[in-house]
C-alpha atoms as a PDB file:
ATOM      1  CA  MET A   1      12.551  20.311  11.889  1.00  0.00           C
ATOM      2  CA  SER A   2      11.458  19.619  15.247  1.00  0.00           C
ATOM      3  CA  TYR A   3       8.944  16.994  15.805  1.00  0.00           C
ATOM      4  CA  ARG A   4       8.269  14.355  18.553  1.00  0.00           C
ATOM      5  CA  ALA A   5       8.456  10.684  17.975  1.00  0.00           C
ATOM      6  CA  VAL A   6       8.576   7.950  21.055  1.00  0.00           C
ATOM      7  CA  ASP A   7      10.861   5.301  20.577  1.00  0.00           C
ATOM      8  CA  SER A   8       8.407   2.616  19.854  1.00  0.00           C
ATOM      9  CA  ALA A   9       7.274   4.593  16.521  1.00  0.00           C
ATOM     10  CA  GLU A  10       8.839   3.712  13.076  1.00  0.00           C
ATOM     11  CA  VAL A  11       9.097   6.877  11.365  1.00  0.00           C
ATOM     12  CA  SER A  12      10.679   6.529   7.492  1.00  0.00           C
ATOM     13  CA  PRO A  13      13.818   8.661   7.183  1.00  0.00           C
ATOM     14  CA  ASP A  14      11.719   9.698   3.552  1.00  0.00           C
ATOM     15  CA  ALA A  15       8.756  11.545   5.330  1.00  0.00           C
ATOM     16  CA  THR A  16       8.560  14.947   5.961  1.00  0.00           C
ATOM     17  CA  ILE A  17       7.488  15.854   9.636  1.00  0.00           C
ATOM     18  CA  GLY A  18       6.342  19.235  10.409  1.00  0.00           C
ATOM     19  CA  ASP A  19       7.441  21.263  13.257  1.00  0.00           C
ATOM     20  CA  GLY A  20       5.801  20.909  16.743  1.00  0.00           C
ATOM     21  CA  THR A  21       4.022  16.847  15.630  1.00  0.00           C
ATOM     22  CA  SER A  22       4.477  14.345  18.210  1.00  0.00           C
ATOM     23  CA  ILE A  23       3.841  10.713  17.104  1.00  0.00           C
ATOM     24  CA  TRP A  24       2.853   8.615  19.742  1.00  0.00           C
ATOM     25  CA  HIS A  25       3.719   4.473  20.391  1.00  0.00           C
ATOM     26  CA  LEU A  26       4.114   1.715  17.639  1.00  0.00           C
ATOM     27  CA  SER A  27       2.791   4.017  15.250  1.00  0.00           C
ATOM     28  CA  GLN A  28       4.321   3.708  11.878  1.00  0.00           C
ATOM     29  CA  VAL A  29       4.811   6.584   9.119  1.00  0.00           C
ATOM     30  CA  ARG A  30       5.618   5.405   5.911  1.00  0.00           C
ATOM     31  CA  GLU A  31       8.231   6.519   3.372  1.00  0.00           C
ATOM     32  CA  GLY A  32       6.934   9.857   1.695  1.00  0.00           C
ATOM     33  CA  ALA A  33       4.259  10.708   4.026  1.00  0.00           C
ATOM     34  CA  ARG A  34       3.800  14.753   4.322  1.00  0.00           C
ATOM     35  CA  ILE A  35       2.657  15.581   7.609  1.00  0.00           C
ATOM     36  CA  GLY A  36       1.887  19.079   8.379  1.00  0.00           C
ATOM     37  CA  ALA A  37       2.770  21.452  11.538  1.00  0.00           C
ATOM     38  CA  GLY A  38       1.473  20.570  14.969  1.00  0.00           C
ATOM     39  CA  CYS A  39       0.002  17.343  14.555  1.00  0.00           C
ATOM     40  CA  VAL A  40      -0.906  14.394  16.700  1.00  0.00           C
ATOM     41  CA  ILE A  41      -0.673  10.776  15.709  1.00  0.00           C
ATOM     42  CA  GLY A  42      -1.732   8.326  18.485  1.00  0.00           C
ATOM     43  CA  ARG A  43      -0.678   5.007  19.313  1.00  0.00           C
ATOM     44  CA  GLY A  44      -0.914   2.356  16.912  1.00  0.00           C
ATOM     45  CA  ALA A  45      -1.619   4.430  13.498  1.00  0.00           C
ATOM     46  CA  TYR A  46      -0.765   3.509  10.629  1.00  0.00           C
ATOM     47  CA  ILE A  47      -0.129   6.429   8.009  1.00  0.00           C
ATOM     48  CA  GLY A  48       1.014   5.165   4.224  1.00  0.00           C
ATOM     49  CA  SER A  49       3.563   5.717   2.277  1.00  0.00           C
ATOM     50  CA  GLY A  50       2.680   9.142   0.432  1.00  0.00           C
ATOM     51  CA  VAL A  51       0.121  10.100   2.819  1.00  0.00           C
ATOM     52  CA  GLN A  52      -0.700  14.154   2.823  1.00  0.00           C
ATOM     53  CA  MET A  53      -1.720  15.626   5.798  1.00  0.00           C
ATOM     54  CA  GLY A  54      -1.739  19.383   6.362  1.00  0.00           C
ATOM     55  CA  ASP A  55      -1.352  21.073   9.400  1.00  0.00           C
ATOM     56  CA  HIS A  56      -2.928  20.712  13.168  1.00  0.00           C
ATOM     57  CA  CYS A  57      -4.385  17.276  12.078  1.00  0.00           C
ATOM     58  CA  LYS A  58      -5.077  14.312  15.087  1.00  0.00           C
ATOM     59  CA  VAL A  59      -5.028  10.612  14.182  1.00  0.00           C
ATOM     60  CA  GLN A  60      -5.909   8.643  17.117  1.00  0.00           C
ATOM     61  CA  ASN A  61      -5.095   5.348  18.463  1.00  0.00           C
ATOM     62  CA  HIS A  62      -5.381   2.218  15.731  1.00  0.00           C
ATOM     63  CA  ALA A  63      -6.273   4.492  12.736  1.00  0.00           C
ATOM     64  CA  LEU A  64      -5.609   3.390   9.230  1.00  0.00           C
ATOM     65  CA  VAL A  65      -4.764   6.080   6.999  1.00  0.00           C
ATOM     66  CA  TYR A  66      -3.966   4.153   3.363  1.00  0.00           C
ATOM     67  CA  GLU A  67      -1.990   5.754   0.311  1.00  0.00           C
ATOM     68  CA  PRO A  68      -2.904   7.925  -1.171  1.00  0.00           C
ATOM     69  CA  ALA A  69      -5.329   9.859   1.595  1.00  0.00           C
ATOM     70  CA  VAL A  70      -5.035  13.596   1.403  1.00  0.00           C
ATOM     71  CA  LEU A  71      -6.237  15.511   4.695  1.00  0.00           C
ATOM     72  CA  GLY A  72      -6.408  18.847   4.969  1.00  0.00           C
ATOM     73  CA  ASP A  73      -5.610  21.257   7.731  1.00  0.00           C
ATOM     74  CA  GLY A  74      -7.297  20.221  11.210  1.00  0.00           C
ATOM     75  CA  VAL A  75      -8.393  16.901  10.073  1.00  0.00           C
ATOM     76  CA  PHE A  76      -9.741  14.875  13.002  1.00  0.00           C
ATOM     77  CA  ILE A  77      -9.359  11.020  12.504  1.00  0.00           C
ATOM     78  CA  GLY A  78     -10.984   9.044  15.067  1.00  0.00           C
ATOM     79  CA  PRO A  79     -10.026   5.887  17.173  1.00  0.00           C
ATOM     80  CA  ALA A  80      -9.771   2.639  14.733  1.00  0.00           C
ATOM     81  CA  VAL A  81     -10.717   4.549  11.467  1.00  0.00           C
ATOM     82  CA  VAL A  82      -9.728   3.177   8.197  1.00  0.00           C
ATOM     83  CA  LEU A  83      -9.411   5.098   5.202  1.00  0.00           C
ATOM     84  CA  THR A  84      -9.197   2.537   2.516  1.00  0.00           C
ATOM     85  CA  ASN A  85      -7.416   2.719  -1.037  1.00  0.00           C
ATOM     86  CA  ASP A  86      -8.829  -0.591  -2.856  1.00  0.00           C
ATOM     87  CA  THR A  87     -11.745  -0.538  -5.578  1.00  0.00           C
ATOM     88  CA  TYR A  88     -11.767  -4.461  -5.956  1.00  0.00           C
ATOM     89  CA  PRO A  89      -9.608  -5.590  -3.022  1.00  0.00           C
ATOM     90  CA  ARG A  90      -8.413  -9.375  -3.945  1.00  0.00           C
ATOM     91  CA  ALA A  91      -5.396 -10.991  -2.187  1.00  0.00           C
ATOM     92  CA  VAL A  92      -4.654 -12.629  -5.254  1.00  0.00           C
ATOM     93  CA  ASN A  93      -4.968 -12.424  -9.250  1.00  0.00           C
ATOM     94  CA  PRO A  94      -7.659 -14.652 -11.136  1.00  0.00           C
ATOM     95  CA  ASP A  95      -4.897 -16.718 -12.116  1.00  0.00           C
ATOM     96  CA  GLY A  96      -4.133 -17.643  -8.194  1.00  0.00           C
ATOM     97  CA  SER A  97      -1.156 -15.677  -8.112  1.00  0.00           C
ATOM     98  CA  LEU A  98      -0.043 -13.217  -5.026  1.00  0.00           C
ATOM     99  CA  LYS A  99      -1.114  -9.783  -5.882  1.00  0.00           C
ATOM    100  CA  SER A 100       1.874  -7.481  -5.797  1.00  0.00           C
ATOM    101  CA  ALA A 101       1.945  -3.457  -5.905  1.00  0.00           C
ATOM    102  CA  SER A 102       1.997  -3.419  -9.782  1.00  0.00           C
ATOM    103  CA  ASP A 103      -1.228  -5.532 -10.137  1.00  0.00           C
ATOM    104  CA  TRP A 104      -3.458  -2.625  -8.144  1.00  0.00           C
ATOM    105  CA  GLU A 105      -4.027   1.265  -8.611  1.00  0.00           C
ATOM    106  CA  ALA A 106      -4.597   2.495  -5.057  1.00  0.00           C
ATOM    107  CA  VAL A 107      -7.129   4.897  -5.207  1.00  0.00           C
ATOM    108  CA  GLY A 108      -7.123   7.820  -1.910  1.00  0.00           C
ATOM    109  CA  VAL A 109      -9.584   9.292   0.129  1.00  0.00           C
ATOM    110  CA  THR A 110      -9.815  12.763   0.514  1.00  0.00           C
ATOM    111  CA  ILE A 111     -10.562  14.749   3.854  1.00  0.00           C
ATOM    112  CA  ASP A 112     -11.103  18.542   3.243  1.00  0.00           C
ATOM    113  CA  ASP A 113     -10.210  20.950   6.159  1.00  0.00           C
ATOM    114  CA  GLY A 114     -11.801  20.920   9.699  1.00  0.00           C
ATOM    115  CA  ALA A 115     -13.800  17.736   8.962  1.00  0.00           C
ATOM    116  CA  ALA A 116     -13.981  14.663  11.469  1.00  0.00           C
ATOM    117  CA  ILE A 117     -14.461  10.953  11.135  1.00  0.00           C
ATOM    118  CA  GLY A 118     -16.081   9.787  14.099  1.00  0.00           C
ATOM    119  CA  ALA A 119     -14.535   6.229  16.038  1.00  0.00           C
ATOM    120  CA  ARG A 120     -14.690   2.871  13.571  1.00  0.00           C
ATOM    121  CA  SER A 121     -15.751   4.522  10.536  1.00  0.00           C
ATOM    122  CA  VAL A 122     -14.316   3.460   7.289  1.00  0.00           C
ATOM    123  CA  CYS A 123     -14.443   5.610   4.203  1.00  0.00           C
ATOM    124  CA  VAL A 124     -14.233   3.332   0.717  1.00  0.00           C
ATOM    125  CA  ALA A 125     -12.258   5.013  -1.602  1.00  0.00           C
ATOM    126  CA  PRO A 126     -12.829   6.928  -3.689  1.00  0.00           C
ATOM    127  CA  VAL A 127     -14.781   9.485  -1.466  1.00  0.00           C
ATOM    128  CA  ARG A 128     -14.736  12.806  -0.789  1.00  0.00           C
ATOM    129  CA  VAL A 129     -15.482  14.039   2.919  1.00  0.00           C
ATOM    130  CA  GLY A 130     -15.706  17.950   2.306  1.00  0.00           C
ATOM    131  CA  ALA A 131     -14.932  20.696   4.739  1.00  0.00           C
ATOM    132  CA  TRP A 132     -16.311  20.875   8.320  1.00  0.00           C
ATOM    133  CA  ALA A 133     -18.213  17.517   7.742  1.00  0.00           C
ATOM    134  CA  LEU A 134     -18.457  15.250  10.656  1.00  0.00           C
ATOM    135  CA  VAL A 135     -18.786  11.434  10.174  1.00  0.00           C
ATOM    136  CA  ALA A 136     -20.415   9.596  12.744  1.00  0.00           C
ATOM    137  CA  ALA A 137     -19.161   7.002  14.680  1.00  0.00           C
ATOM    138  CA  GLY A 138     -19.295   3.362  13.210  1.00  0.00           C
ATOM    139  CA  SER A 139     -20.501   4.995   9.981  1.00  0.00           C
ATOM    140  CA  VAL A 140     -19.329   3.261   6.525  1.00  0.00           C
ATOM    141  CA  VAL A 141     -18.851   5.980   4.152  1.00  0.00           C
ATOM    142  CA  THR A 142     -19.167   4.907   0.168  1.00  0.00           C
ATOM    143  CA  ARG A 143     -20.104   8.320  -1.114  1.00  0.00           C
ATOM    144  CA  ASP A 144     -18.830  11.630  -1.319  1.00  0.00           C
ATOM    145  CA  VAL A 145     -19.918  14.128   1.564  1.00  0.00           C
ATOM    146  CA  PRO A 146     -21.026  17.810   1.268  1.00  0.00           C
ATOM    147  CA  ALA A 147     -18.983  20.330   3.433  1.00  0.00           C
ATOM    148  CA  HIS A 148     -21.000  20.725   6.645  1.00  0.00           C
ATOM    149  CA  ALA A 149     -22.739  17.221   6.486  1.00  0.00           C
ATOM    150  CA  LEU A 150     -23.585  15.292   9.516  1.00  0.00           C
ATOM    151  CA  VAL A 151     -23.615  11.769   8.362  1.00  0.00           C
ATOM    152  CA  ALA A 152     -23.960   8.865  10.370  1.00  0.00           C
ATOM    153  CA  GLY A 153     -24.809   4.838   9.509  1.00  0.00           C
ATOM    154  CA  VAL A 154     -24.278   1.988   7.477  1.00  0.00           C
ATOM    155  CA  PRO A 155     -23.867   3.075   4.386  1.00  0.00           C
ATOM    156  CA  ALA A 156     -23.714   6.592   5.851  1.00  0.00           C
ATOM    157  CA  ARG A 157     -26.537   8.776   4.967  1.00  0.00           C
ATOM    158  CA  GLN A 158     -27.005  12.946   5.964  1.00  0.00           C
ATOM    159  CA  ILE A 159     -28.667  13.645   8.548  1.00  0.00           C
ATOM    160  CA  GLY A 160     -28.325  16.966   9.222  1.00  0.00           C
ATOM    161  CA  TRP A 161     -25.781  20.099   9.050  1.00  0.00           C
ATOM    162  CA  VAL A 162     -23.015  21.215  11.336  1.00  0.00           C
ATOM    163  CA  GLY A 163     -21.086  24.301  12.300  1.00  0.00           C
ATOM    164  CA  ARG A 164     -17.174  24.600  12.417  1.00  0.00           C
ATOM    165  CA  SER A 165     -17.602  23.914  16.077  1.00  0.00           C
ATOM    166  CA  GLY A 166     -19.000  20.387  15.284  1.00  0.00           C
ATOM    167  CA  THR A 167     -22.463  20.693  17.037  1.00  0.00           C
ATOM    168  CA  ARG A 168     -25.658  20.359  14.780  1.00  0.00           C
ATOM    169  CA  LEU A 169     -27.084  23.052  13.586  1.00  0.00           C
ATOM    170  CA  GLU A 170     -31.051  23.688  14.740  1.00  0.00           C
ATOM    171  CA  GLU A 171     -33.271  24.882  12.583  1.00  0.00           C
ATOM    172  CA  GLN A 172     -35.256  28.111  12.765  1.00  0.00           C
ATOM    173  CA  PRO A 173     -38.984  29.134  12.260  1.00  0.00           C
ATOM    174  CA  ASP A 174     -37.571  31.053   8.891  1.00  0.00           C
ATOM    175  CA  GLY A 175     -35.642  28.078   7.474  1.00  0.00           C
ATOM    176  CA  SER A 176     -31.986  29.487   8.937  1.00  0.00           C
ATOM    177  CA  LEU A 177     -30.243  26.792  10.761  1.00  0.00           C
ATOM    178  CA  VAL A 178     -28.300  28.261  14.187  1.00  0.00           C
ATOM    179  CA  ASP A 179     -24.880  26.944  15.510  1.00  0.00           C
ATOM    180  CA  PRO A 180     -26.183  26.703  19.390  1.00  0.00           C
ATOM    181  CA  SER A 181     -22.161  26.736  20.279  1.00  0.00           C
ATOM    182  CA  THR A 182     -21.329  29.816  18.627  1.00  0.00           C
ATOM    183  CA  GLY A 183     -24.555  31.583  17.425  1.00  0.00           C
ATOM    184  CA  ALA A 184     -23.393  31.759  13.782  1.00  0.00           C
ATOM    185  CA  VAL A 185     -26.529  31.768  11.260  1.00  0.00           C
ATOM    186  CA  HIS A 186     -26.512  29.858   8.212  1.00  0.00           C
ATOM    187  CA  ASN A 187     -28.474  29.232   5.178  1.00  0.00           C
ATOM    188  CA  VAL A 188     -28.720  26.267   2.736  1.00  0.00           C
ATOM    189  CA  VAL A 189     -28.742  27.087  -0.857  1.00  0.00           C
ATOM    190  CA  ASP A 190     -28.570  24.689  -3.797  1.00  0.00           C
ATOM    191  CA  GLY A 191     -27.732  21.994  -1.255  1.00  0.00           C
ATOM    192  CA  ARG A 192     -24.516  23.786   0.194  1.00  0.00           C
ATOM    193  CA  LEU A 193     -24.386  25.191   3.852  1.00  0.00           C
ATOM    194  CA  GLU A 194     -23.563  28.862   3.768  1.00  0.00           C
ATOM    195  CA  GLU A 195     -22.643  30.739   6.508  1.00  0.00           C
ATOM    196  CA  ARG A 196     -24.391  34.500   6.625  1.00  0.00           C
ATOM    197  CA  GLU A 197     -22.799  37.417   7.117  1.00  0.00           C
ATOM    198  CA  ALA A 198     -22.381  38.860  10.471  1.00  0.00           C
END
């Protein structure tokens, strides 16, 4: 495999890293993680044990991707994003003893192809962010996000739709939605965004 990791990065020999991936200063990639080809792992980012990441993903500086997160191809994780993995977080058990790995069950965040999570957002597991969705910066995602949805706030709520360009779609007089960046025309059918055939 041909990937680049700077000297200050900590990459487990038990991780699988795809060709052309770059891992930057002070980042950590744990054992069992699988990172696809052409990815960028930014300064101080954390990729947990067994995390699965597709090709051409970007994990920006100081983002924390806890296991067992699954990221599709082309996913963007903004600076200081956190993908959690504990539904009932506690440092100790009810009897006061320190929790160990066997005292809780990790649950993950799934982010489908092309989706983007804005800076300092938190995705509270278990949630799924659909393909090409966009989570606005500073949001807290506590429930599943449909494909192409634009969500924002605490907790995150849908405020619109985005195309593959990430640009907010503009509603037309006939009820269709147009991507101003690409001209692609979409319709909402049964709560899902569908692109019209050209």
